[in-house]
Amino acid sequence: MDQGQVRDNRELQRFELPVDDQVVFADYRRQPGRLVITHVETPLALRGAGHAGQLMQGVAEEARAEGVKVLPLCSYARAWMQRHPEFKDLAL
């Protein structure tokens, strides 16, 4: 499987994880001191393989590196944050 690293596509305002010839992504809005995750999407053919979780891990690590909090408006992002207490310091 050809997988890349999570990257921040600032032009489209989304984090992206390339997998094979498709992209798992999380739409966001940047606000002072926080990153608002509005939507996470995994292409149908890739669902159930853990790619969205890998993407969210990258988003959380990027938020920590930037020193910002994460406001997960998307239900998947919110559930992921709740399941990963190692990132609870980032949650709003």
Protein backbone atom coordinates (compact mmCIF):
# COMPACT_ATOMS: atom_id res chain seq x y z
CA MET A 1 0.00 0.00 0.00
CA ASP A 2 1.39 3.38 -0.98
CA GLN A 3 0.79 5.61 2.02
CA GLY A 4 2.15 9.05 2.65
CA GLN A 5 2.38 11.22 5.69
CA VAL A 6 -0.33 13.53 6.95
CA ARG A 7 0.13 16.91 5.29
CA ASP A 8 -1.50 20.28 5.83
CA ASN A 9 -3.03 21.54 2.59
CA ARG A 10 -3.53 25.15 3.68
CA GLU A 11 -4.92 26.19 0.30
CA LEU A 12 -7.86 23.78 0.69
CA GLN A 13 -7.92 24.14 4.50
CA ARG A 14 -7.65 20.44 5.13
CA PHE A 15 -5.23 17.85 6.42
CA GLU A 16 -4.66 15.05 3.95
CA LEU A 17 -3.39 11.48 4.14
CA PRO A 18 -2.70 9.98 0.72
CA VAL A 19 -3.47 6.26 0.53
CA ASP A 20 -2.84 4.53 -2.79
CA ASP A 21 -4.46 6.87 -5.32
CA GLN A 22 -7.01 8.32 -2.89
CA VAL A 23 -6.99 10.87 -0.07
CA VAL A 24 -8.38 10.70 3.47
CA PHE A 25 -8.94 14.24 4.70
CA ALA A 26 -10.06 16.47 7.56
CA ASP A 27 -11.47 19.89 6.74
CA TYR A 28 -10.59 22.60 9.22
CA ARG A 29 -10.78 26.28 10.06
CA ARG A 30 -7.92 27.99 11.82
CA GLN A 31 -8.89 30.40 14.59
CA PRO A 32 -6.62 32.13 17.10
CA GLY A 33 -5.24 29.41 19.38
CA ARG A 34 -7.33 26.62 17.93
CA LEU A 35 -7.92 24.31 15.03
CA VAL A 36 -11.61 23.62 14.33
CA ILE A 37 -12.13 20.23 12.66
CA THR A 38 -15.38 20.46 10.69
CA HIS A 39 -15.39 17.21 8.70
CA VAL A 40 -13.38 14.00 8.34
CA GLU A 41 -13.84 11.85 5.26
CA THR A 42 -12.47 8.52 4.15
CA PRO A 43 -13.21 7.24 0.63
CA LEU A 44 -15.60 4.28 0.75
CA ALA A 45 -13.01 1.79 -0.52
CA LEU A 46 -10.65 2.70 2.35
CA ARG A 47 -13.09 2.65 5.25
CA GLY A 48 -12.51 0.32 8.17
CA ALA A 49 -8.73 0.13 7.71
CA GLY A 50 -7.76 2.73 10.31
CA HIS A 51 -6.79 5.49 7.91
CA ALA A 52 -9.05 8.13 9.50
CA GLY A 53 -7.49 7.37 12.86
CA GLN A 54 -4.01 7.71 11.37
CA LEU A 55 -5.08 11.05 9.89
CA MET A 56 -6.45 12.28 13.23
CA GLN A 57 -3.25 11.25 14.99
CA GLY A 58 -1.35 13.43 12.52
CA VAL A 59 -3.79 16.31 13.06
CA ALA A 60 -3.39 16.06 16.83
CA GLU A 61 0.40 15.91 16.58
CA GLU A 62 0.40 18.97 14.32
CA ALA A 63 -1.86 20.86 16.73
CA ARG A 64 0.47 20.01 19.61
CA ALA A 65 3.51 21.13 17.59
CA GLU A 66 1.77 24.43 16.79
CA GLY A 67 0.66 24.91 20.39
CA VAL A 68 -3.05 25.13 19.52
CA LYS A 69 -6.16 23.37 20.85
CA VAL A 70 -8.50 21.20 18.78
CA LEU A 71 -12.23 21.87 18.58
CA PRO A 72 -13.72 18.75 16.95
CA LEU A 73 -17.10 19.70 15.47
CA CYS A 74 -17.14 16.55 13.33
CA SER A 75 -18.59 13.55 15.21
CA TYR A 76 -15.75 11.26 14.09
CA ALA A 77 -13.08 13.73 15.19
CA ARG A 78 -14.86 14.23 18.54
CA ALA A 79 -15.11 10.47 19.15
CA TRP A 80 -11.47 9.98 18.18
CA MET A 81 -10.34 12.67 20.61
CA GLN A 82 -12.39 11.05 23.40
CA ARG A 83 -10.85 7.63 22.68
CA HIS A 84 -7.29 9.01 22.84
CA PRO A 85 -6.62 10.41 26.31
CA GLU A 86 -3.00 11.09 25.36
CA PHE A 87 -4.36 14.09 23.46
CA LYS A 88 -6.90 15.29 26.04
CA ASP A 89 -4.76 18.36 26.72
CA LEU A 90 -5.61 19.54 23.18
CA ALA A 91 -9.40 19.19 23.43
CA LEU A 92 -11.75 22.15 23.69
